[in-house]
């Protein structure tokens, strides 16, 4: 339960960063909302990885090199976030005509549970599980 709370604290900050990034990108580099969303997601992924590595799963930092854990984080949380957010943005903003920020907030909430599970069971797994999954 403690890790879930930490994950969500990082997630709330990450969501604010993602929404702020989307706002800035759309304002200064107008274009298609999906491209802006992809860039905002990547900024957030890097932010969240640093916090998860140093805070949420701090006790598992010795389970692999930071680069390897970043790679696993991108292959799990990154893919869920990127594909889930972009699909939901296309549906909610593109077809349902919700404002991009509202659509992105909904997408973030939908992806969070899968991201916690993948982070806990694969990206930041224990040393014993790390060796069996490699």
N, C-alpha and C. Protein backbone atom coordinates (compact mmCIF):
# COMPACT_ATOMS: atom_id res chain seq x y z
N UNK A 1 0.83 -1.20 0.00
CA UNK A 1 0.00 0.00 0.00
C UNK A 1 0.87 1.26 0.00
N UNK A 2 1.97 1.21 0.74
CA UNK A 2 2.88 2.36 0.80
C UNK A 2 3.45 2.68 -0.59
N UNK A 3 3.82 1.63 -1.31
CA UNK A 3 4.39 1.84 -2.65
C UNK A 3 3.33 2.41 -3.59
N UNK A 4 2.08 1.96 -3.48
CA UNK A 4 0.99 2.47 -4.31
C UNK A 4 0.79 3.97 -4.05
N UNK A 5 0.87 4.37 -2.79
CA UNK A 5 0.72 5.79 -2.44
C UNK A 5 1.88 6.59 -3.02
N UNK A 6 3.10 6.09 -2.88
CA UNK A 6 4.27 6.78 -3.46
C UNK A 6 4.12 6.89 -4.98
N UNK A 7 3.71 5.79 -5.61
CA UNK A 7 3.51 5.78 -7.06
C UNK A 7 2.52 6.87 -7.47
N UNK A 8 1.44 6.99 -6.74
CA UNK A 8 0.42 7.98 -7.07
C UNK A 8 0.87 9.41 -6.79
N UNK A 9 1.70 9.62 -5.77
CA UNK A 9 2.25 10.96 -5.54
C UNK A 9 3.13 11.38 -6.72
N UNK A 10 3.99 10.47 -7.16
CA UNK A 10 4.82 10.75 -8.33
C UNK A 10 3.92 10.95 -9.54
N UNK A 11 2.90 10.14 -9.66
CA UNK A 11 1.98 10.24 -10.79
C UNK A 11 1.23 11.56 -10.85
N UNK A 12 0.84 12.08 -9.70
CA UNK A 12 0.15 13.37 -9.67
C UNK A 12 1.08 14.48 -10.17
N UNK A 13 2.31 14.46 -9.70
CA UNK A 13 3.29 15.45 -10.17
C UNK A 13 3.55 15.25 -11.66
N UNK A 14 3.70 13.99 -12.08
CA UNK A 14 3.93 13.68 -13.49
C UNK A 14 2.76 14.12 -14.35
N UNK A 15 1.54 13.92 -13.88
CA UNK A 15 0.37 14.35 -14.64
C UNK A 15 0.37 15.87 -14.82
N UNK A 16 0.73 16.59 -13.76
CA UNK A 16 0.81 18.05 -13.86
C UNK A 16 1.88 18.46 -14.87
N UNK A 17 3.01 17.76 -14.86
CA UNK A 17 4.08 18.05 -15.82
C UNK A 17 3.61 17.74 -17.24
N UNK A 18 2.93 16.63 -17.41
CA UNK A 18 2.46 16.25 -18.74
C UNK A 18 1.45 17.27 -19.27
N UNK A 19 0.51 17.67 -18.43
CA UNK A 19 -0.50 18.64 -18.86
C UNK A 19 0.11 20.01 -19.12
N UNK A 20 1.06 20.41 -18.27
CA UNK A 20 1.75 21.70 -18.49
C UNK A 20 2.58 21.64 -19.76
N UNK A 21 3.27 20.54 -19.98
CA UNK A 21 4.07 20.40 -21.20
C UNK A 21 3.19 20.45 -22.44
N UNK A 22 2.06 19.76 -22.38
CA UNK A 22 1.13 19.78 -23.50
C UNK A 22 0.63 21.20 -23.78
N UNK A 23 0.33 21.93 -22.73
CA UNK A 23 -0.13 23.31 -22.88
C UNK A 23 0.95 24.17 -23.53
N UNK A 24 2.17 24.08 -23.03
CA UNK A 24 3.28 24.89 -23.57
C UNK A 24 3.57 24.52 -25.02
N UNK A 25 3.63 23.24 -25.30
CA UNK A 25 3.94 22.80 -26.67
C UNK A 25 2.84 23.27 -27.63
N UNK A 26 1.58 23.10 -27.24
CA UNK A 26 0.48 23.54 -28.10
C UNK A 26 0.48 25.05 -28.30
N UNK A 27 0.94 25.79 -27.30
CA UNK A 27 0.95 27.25 -27.40
C UNK A 27 2.09 27.75 -28.29
N UNK A 28 3.30 27.26 -28.05
CA UNK A 28 4.47 27.78 -28.75
C UNK A 28 4.77 27.07 -30.06
N UNK A 29 4.36 25.84 -30.18
CA UNK A 29 4.59 25.10 -31.42
C UNK A 29 3.25 24.49 -31.84
N UNK A 30 2.37 25.32 -32.36
CA UNK A 30 1.05 24.80 -32.71
C UNK A 30 1.18 23.75 -33.81
N UNK A 31 0.36 22.79 -33.72
CA UNK A 31 0.37 21.70 -34.69
C UNK A 31 -0.63 20.66 -34.26
N UNK A 32 -0.36 19.47 -34.56
CA UNK A 32 -1.28 18.40 -34.23
C UNK A 32 -1.15 18.01 -32.76
N UNK A 33 -2.27 17.87 -32.09
CA UNK A 33 -2.28 17.56 -30.67
C UNK A 33 -1.64 16.21 -30.35
N UNK A 34 -1.64 15.26 -31.28
CA UNK A 34 -1.03 13.96 -31.00
C UNK A 34 0.49 14.05 -30.92
N UNK A 35 1.11 14.88 -31.76
CA UNK A 35 2.57 15.06 -31.68
C UNK A 35 2.93 15.74 -30.36
N UNK A 36 2.17 16.75 -30.00
CA UNK A 36 2.41 17.45 -28.73
C UNK A 36 2.23 16.49 -27.55
N UNK A 37 1.24 15.62 -27.63
CA UNK A 37 1.00 14.65 -26.57
C UNK A 37 2.18 13.68 -26.44
N UNK A 38 2.70 13.21 -27.56
CA UNK A 38 3.83 12.27 -27.53
C UNK A 38 5.05 12.90 -26.86
N UNK A 39 5.35 14.14 -27.19
CA UNK A 39 6.49 14.83 -26.57
C UNK A 39 6.24 15.04 -25.07
N UNK A 40 5.02 15.43 -24.71
CA UNK A 40 4.68 15.64 -23.30
C UNK A 40 4.79 14.33 -22.52
N UNK A 41 4.40 13.23 -23.13
CA UNK A 41 4.50 11.92 -22.48
C UNK A 41 5.97 11.57 -22.23
N UNK A 42 6.82 11.79 -23.22
CA UNK A 42 8.24 11.45 -23.06
C UNK A 42 8.88 12.29 -21.95
N UNK A 43 8.57 13.56 -21.89
CA UNK A 43 9.08 14.41 -20.80
C UNK A 43 8.64 13.84 -19.46
N UNK A 44 7.38 13.45 -19.38
CA UNK A 44 6.83 12.91 -18.14
C UNK A 44 7.44 11.56 -17.79
N UNK A 45 7.66 10.71 -18.79
CA UNK A 45 8.28 9.42 -18.53
C UNK A 45 9.66 9.58 -17.89
N UNK A 46 10.44 10.48 -18.42
CA UNK A 46 11.78 10.71 -17.86
C UNK A 46 11.69 11.23 -16.43
N UNK A 47 10.79 12.18 -16.21
CA UNK A 47 10.56 12.71 -14.87
C UNK A 47 10.14 11.60 -13.91
N UNK A 48 9.13 10.83 -14.32
CA UNK A 48 8.61 9.79 -13.44
C UNK A 48 9.65 8.70 -13.17
N UNK A 49 10.44 8.34 -14.18
CA UNK A 49 11.47 7.33 -13.94
C UNK A 49 12.42 7.79 -12.84
N UNK A 50 12.89 9.01 -12.92
CA UNK A 50 13.83 9.51 -11.91
C UNK A 50 13.22 9.43 -10.51
N UNK A 51 11.97 9.87 -10.38
CA UNK A 51 11.32 9.82 -9.07
C UNK A 51 11.03 8.40 -8.62
N UNK A 52 10.57 7.56 -9.53
CA UNK A 52 10.31 6.17 -9.14
C UNK A 52 11.60 5.47 -8.74
N UNK A 53 12.67 5.71 -9.46
CA UNK A 53 13.95 5.07 -9.16
C UNK A 53 14.50 5.54 -7.81
N UNK A 54 14.30 6.83 -7.50
CA UNK A 54 14.84 7.38 -6.26
C UNK A 54 13.86 7.38 -5.08
N UNK A 55 12.58 7.13 -5.34
CA UNK A 55 11.59 7.26 -4.28
C UNK A 55 10.67 6.03 -4.20
N UNK A 56 9.89 5.78 -5.21
CA UNK A 56 8.89 4.71 -5.17
C UNK A 56 9.52 3.33 -5.02
N UNK A 57 10.52 3.04 -5.85
CA UNK A 57 11.19 1.74 -5.82
C UNK A 57 12.66 1.90 -5.44
N UNK A 58 12.93 2.79 -4.53
CA UNK A 58 14.31 3.07 -4.09
C UNK A 58 15.01 1.79 -3.59
N UNK A 59 14.26 0.95 -2.91
CA UNK A 59 14.83 -0.29 -2.36
C UNK A 59 15.21 -1.30 -3.44
N UNK A 60 14.86 -1.03 -4.68
CA UNK A 60 15.17 -1.96 -5.77
C UNK A 60 16.18 -1.38 -6.76
N UNK A 61 16.85 -0.31 -6.38
CA UNK A 61 17.81 0.31 -7.31
C UNK A 61 19.00 -0.58 -7.61
N UNK A 62 19.32 -1.51 -6.74
CA UNK A 62 20.48 -2.38 -6.98
C UNK A 62 20.12 -3.60 -7.83
N UNK A 63 18.93 -3.62 -8.38
CA UNK A 63 18.47 -4.77 -9.17
C UNK A 63 18.88 -4.67 -10.64
N UNK A 64 19.65 -3.71 -10.99
CA UNK A 64 20.10 -3.54 -12.37
C UNK A 64 20.68 -2.16 -12.54
N UNK A 65 21.32 -1.94 -13.66
CA UNK A 65 21.89 -0.62 -13.91
C UNK A 65 20.75 0.37 -14.14
N UNK A 66 20.98 1.64 -13.87
CA UNK A 66 19.94 2.64 -14.14
C UNK A 66 19.49 2.62 -15.61
N UNK A 67 20.44 2.43 -16.52
CA UNK A 67 20.07 2.39 -17.93
C UNK A 67 19.15 1.21 -18.23
N UNK A 68 19.46 0.06 -17.67
CA UNK A 68 18.63 -1.13 -17.91
C UNK A 68 17.23 -0.93 -17.33
N UNK A 69 17.15 -0.35 -16.15
CA UNK A 69 15.84 -0.10 -15.56
C UNK A 69 15.08 0.98 -16.34
N UNK A 70 15.79 1.97 -16.85
CA UNK A 70 15.14 2.98 -17.70
C UNK A 70 14.59 2.33 -18.97
N UNK A 71 15.36 1.43 -19.55
CA UNK A 71 14.91 0.72 -20.74
C UNK A 71 13.66 -0.10 -20.43
N UNK A 72 13.69 -0.83 -19.34
CA UNK A 72 12.52 -1.64 -18.95
C UNK A 72 11.33 -0.74 -18.64
N UNK A 73 11.58 0.39 -18.01
CA UNK A 73 10.51 1.34 -17.70
C UNK A 73 9.87 1.86 -18.99
N UNK A 74 10.70 2.19 -19.97
CA UNK A 74 10.17 2.67 -21.25
C UNK A 74 9.42 1.57 -22.00
N UNK A 75 9.92 0.33 -21.93
CA UNK A 75 9.26 -0.77 -22.62
C UNK A 75 7.94 -1.17 -21.96
N UNK A 76 7.77 -0.83 -20.70
CA UNK A 76 6.53 -1.17 -20.01
C UNK A 76 5.66 0.08 -19.85
N UNK A 77 6.00 0.92 -18.89
CA UNK A 77 5.22 2.13 -18.65
C UNK A 77 5.19 3.05 -19.86
N UNK A 78 6.32 3.12 -20.55
CA UNK A 78 6.38 4.00 -21.72
C UNK A 78 5.43 3.58 -22.81
N UNK A 79 5.40 2.27 -23.10
CA UNK A 79 4.49 1.80 -24.15
C UNK A 79 3.04 1.95 -23.74
N UNK A 80 2.72 1.61 -22.49
CA UNK A 80 1.34 1.77 -22.02
C UNK A 80 0.94 3.24 -22.09
N UNK A 81 1.82 4.12 -21.60
CA UNK A 81 1.50 5.55 -21.60
C UNK A 81 1.38 6.09 -23.01
N UNK A 82 2.34 5.76 -23.86
CA UNK A 82 2.34 6.30 -25.21
C UNK A 82 1.15 5.77 -26.01
N UNK A 83 1.00 4.46 -26.06
CA UNK A 83 -0.09 3.89 -26.86
C UNK A 83 -1.46 4.21 -26.27
N UNK A 84 -1.58 4.07 -24.95
CA UNK A 84 -2.86 4.35 -24.30
C UNK A 84 -3.26 5.81 -24.41
N UNK A 85 -2.33 6.71 -24.13
CA UNK A 85 -2.63 8.14 -24.22
C UNK A 85 -2.96 8.56 -25.64
N UNK A 86 -2.16 8.11 -26.60
CA UNK A 86 -2.41 8.52 -27.99
C UNK A 86 -3.73 7.95 -28.51
N UNK A 87 -4.04 6.70 -28.18
CA UNK A 87 -5.31 6.12 -28.62
C UNK A 87 -6.49 6.86 -27.99
N UNK A 88 -6.39 7.11 -26.68
CA UNK A 88 -7.48 7.81 -26.01
C UNK A 88 -7.58 9.26 -26.45
N UNK A 89 -6.45 9.90 -26.72
CA UNK A 89 -6.48 11.27 -27.22
C UNK A 89 -7.17 11.33 -28.58
N UNK A 90 -6.84 10.39 -29.43
CA UNK A 90 -7.48 10.36 -30.76
C UNK A 90 -8.99 10.17 -30.62
N UNK A 91 -9.39 9.28 -29.71
CA UNK A 91 -10.81 9.03 -29.49
C UNK A 91 -11.51 10.21 -28.82
N UNK A 92 -10.91 10.69 -27.71
CA UNK A 92 -11.58 11.72 -26.92
C UNK A 92 -11.46 13.12 -27.51
N UNK A 93 -10.26 13.47 -27.96
CA UNK A 93 -10.07 14.82 -28.53
C UNK A 93 -10.45 14.84 -30.01
N UNK A 94 -10.02 13.81 -30.73
CA UNK A 94 -10.25 13.79 -32.17
C UNK A 94 -11.68 13.49 -32.57
N UNK A 95 -12.29 12.51 -31.93
CA UNK A 95 -13.64 12.10 -32.33
C UNK A 95 -14.74 12.66 -31.43
N UNK A 96 -14.49 12.69 -30.12
CA UNK A 96 -15.50 13.21 -29.19
C UNK A 96 -15.38 14.72 -29.01
N UNK A 97 -14.32 15.30 -29.54
CA UNK A 97 -14.08 16.75 -29.53
C UNK A 97 -13.96 17.35 -28.12
N UNK A 98 -13.41 16.55 -27.19
CA UNK A 98 -13.07 17.11 -25.88
C UNK A 98 -11.84 18.00 -26.05
N UNK A 99 -11.68 19.01 -25.22
CA UNK A 99 -10.43 19.79 -25.26
C UNK A 99 -9.24 18.87 -24.98
N UNK A 100 -8.10 19.10 -25.64
CA UNK A 100 -6.94 18.21 -25.46
C UNK A 100 -6.52 18.00 -24.00
N UNK A 101 -6.57 19.04 -23.17
CA UNK A 101 -6.15 18.87 -21.78
C UNK A 101 -7.10 17.94 -21.02
N UNK A 102 -8.38 18.09 -21.23
CA UNK A 102 -9.36 17.21 -20.57
C UNK A 102 -9.19 15.78 -21.05
N UNK A 103 -9.03 15.60 -22.35
CA UNK A 103 -8.85 14.27 -22.92
C UNK A 103 -7.58 13.63 -22.37
N UNK A 104 -6.50 14.41 -22.26
CA UNK A 104 -5.24 13.88 -21.75
C UNK A 104 -5.34 13.51 -20.28
N UNK A 105 -6.07 14.28 -19.49
CA UNK A 105 -6.26 13.95 -18.07
C UNK A 105 -6.98 12.62 -17.93
N UNK A 106 -8.00 12.39 -18.73
CA UNK A 106 -8.72 11.11 -18.70
C UNK A 106 -7.78 9.97 -19.09
N UNK A 107 -6.98 10.17 -20.12
CA UNK A 107 -6.04 9.13 -20.59
C UNK A 107 -5.02 8.78 -19.51
N UNK A 108 -4.53 9.76 -18.81
CA UNK A 108 -3.55 9.53 -17.73
C UNK A 108 -4.15 8.63 -16.66
N UNK A 109 -5.36 8.91 -16.24
CA UNK A 109 -6.02 8.11 -15.21
C UNK A 109 -6.20 6.67 -15.68
N UNK A 110 -6.61 6.48 -16.92
CA UNK A 110 -6.83 5.13 -17.44
C UNK A 110 -5.55 4.30 -17.50
N UNK A 111 -4.43 4.93 -17.73
CA UNK A 111 -3.16 4.19 -17.89
C UNK A 111 -2.45 3.92 -16.56
N UNK A 112 -2.83 4.61 -15.50
CA UNK A 112 -2.05 4.55 -14.27
C UNK A 112 -2.02 3.18 -13.59
N UNK A 113 -3.12 2.47 -13.55
CA UNK A 113 -3.13 1.17 -12.87
C UNK A 113 -2.22 0.17 -13.58
N UNK A 114 -2.30 0.12 -14.89
CA UNK A 114 -1.41 -0.78 -15.64
C UNK A 114 0.04 -0.39 -15.43
N UNK A 115 0.32 0.90 -15.38
CA UNK A 115 1.69 1.36 -15.17
C UNK A 115 2.23 0.96 -13.80
N UNK A 116 1.41 1.03 -12.77
CA UNK A 116 1.88 0.61 -11.45
C UNK A 116 2.21 -0.89 -11.48
N UNK A 117 1.32 -1.68 -12.02
CA UNK A 117 1.56 -3.13 -12.07
C UNK A 117 2.85 -3.45 -12.83
N UNK A 118 3.04 -2.84 -13.99
CA UNK A 118 4.23 -3.11 -14.80
C UNK A 118 5.50 -2.60 -14.11
N UNK A 119 5.41 -1.45 -13.47
CA UNK A 119 6.57 -0.93 -12.74
C UNK A 119 6.96 -1.83 -11.60
N UNK A 120 5.97 -2.30 -10.86
CA UNK A 120 6.24 -3.12 -9.68
C UNK A 120 6.68 -4.54 -10.04
N UNK A 121 6.13 -5.09 -11.10
CA UNK A 121 6.41 -6.49 -11.42
C UNK A 121 7.49 -6.68 -12.48
N UNK A 122 7.89 -5.61 -13.19
CA UNK A 122 8.89 -5.83 -14.24
C UNK A 122 9.97 -4.74 -14.28
N UNK A 123 9.59 -3.48 -14.42
CA UNK A 123 10.60 -2.42 -14.57
C UNK A 123 11.46 -2.26 -13.33
N UNK A 124 10.86 -2.37 -12.15
CA UNK A 124 11.59 -2.21 -10.89
C UNK A 124 11.43 -3.48 -10.05
N UNK A 125 11.66 -4.62 -10.65
CA UNK A 125 11.46 -5.88 -9.96
C UNK A 125 12.61 -6.20 -9.02
N UNK A 126 12.44 -7.22 -8.21
CA UNK A 126 13.48 -7.62 -7.28
C UNK A 126 14.62 -8.33 -8.01
N UNK A 127 15.76 -8.46 -7.34
CA UNK A 127 16.94 -9.08 -7.94
C UNK A 127 16.65 -10.53 -8.38
N UNK A 128 15.94 -11.31 -7.56
CA UNK A 128 15.65 -12.70 -7.91
C UNK A 128 14.79 -12.78 -9.16
N UNK A 129 13.78 -11.96 -9.24
CA UNK A 129 12.91 -11.96 -10.41
C UNK A 129 13.66 -11.42 -11.63
N UNK A 130 14.58 -10.48 -11.40
CA UNK A 130 15.37 -9.89 -12.48
C UNK A 130 16.16 -10.96 -13.22
N UNK A 131 16.79 -11.87 -12.44
CA UNK A 131 17.62 -12.91 -13.05
C UNK A 131 16.78 -13.92 -13.82
N UNK A 132 15.58 -14.22 -13.35
CA UNK A 132 14.77 -15.21 -14.03
C UNK A 132 14.10 -14.63 -15.28
N UNK A 133 13.91 -13.31 -15.34
CA UNK A 133 13.25 -12.72 -16.50
C UNK A 133 14.22 -12.26 -17.57
N UNK A 134 15.49 -12.28 -17.30
CA UNK A 134 16.49 -11.81 -18.27
C UNK A 134 16.85 -12.87 -19.27
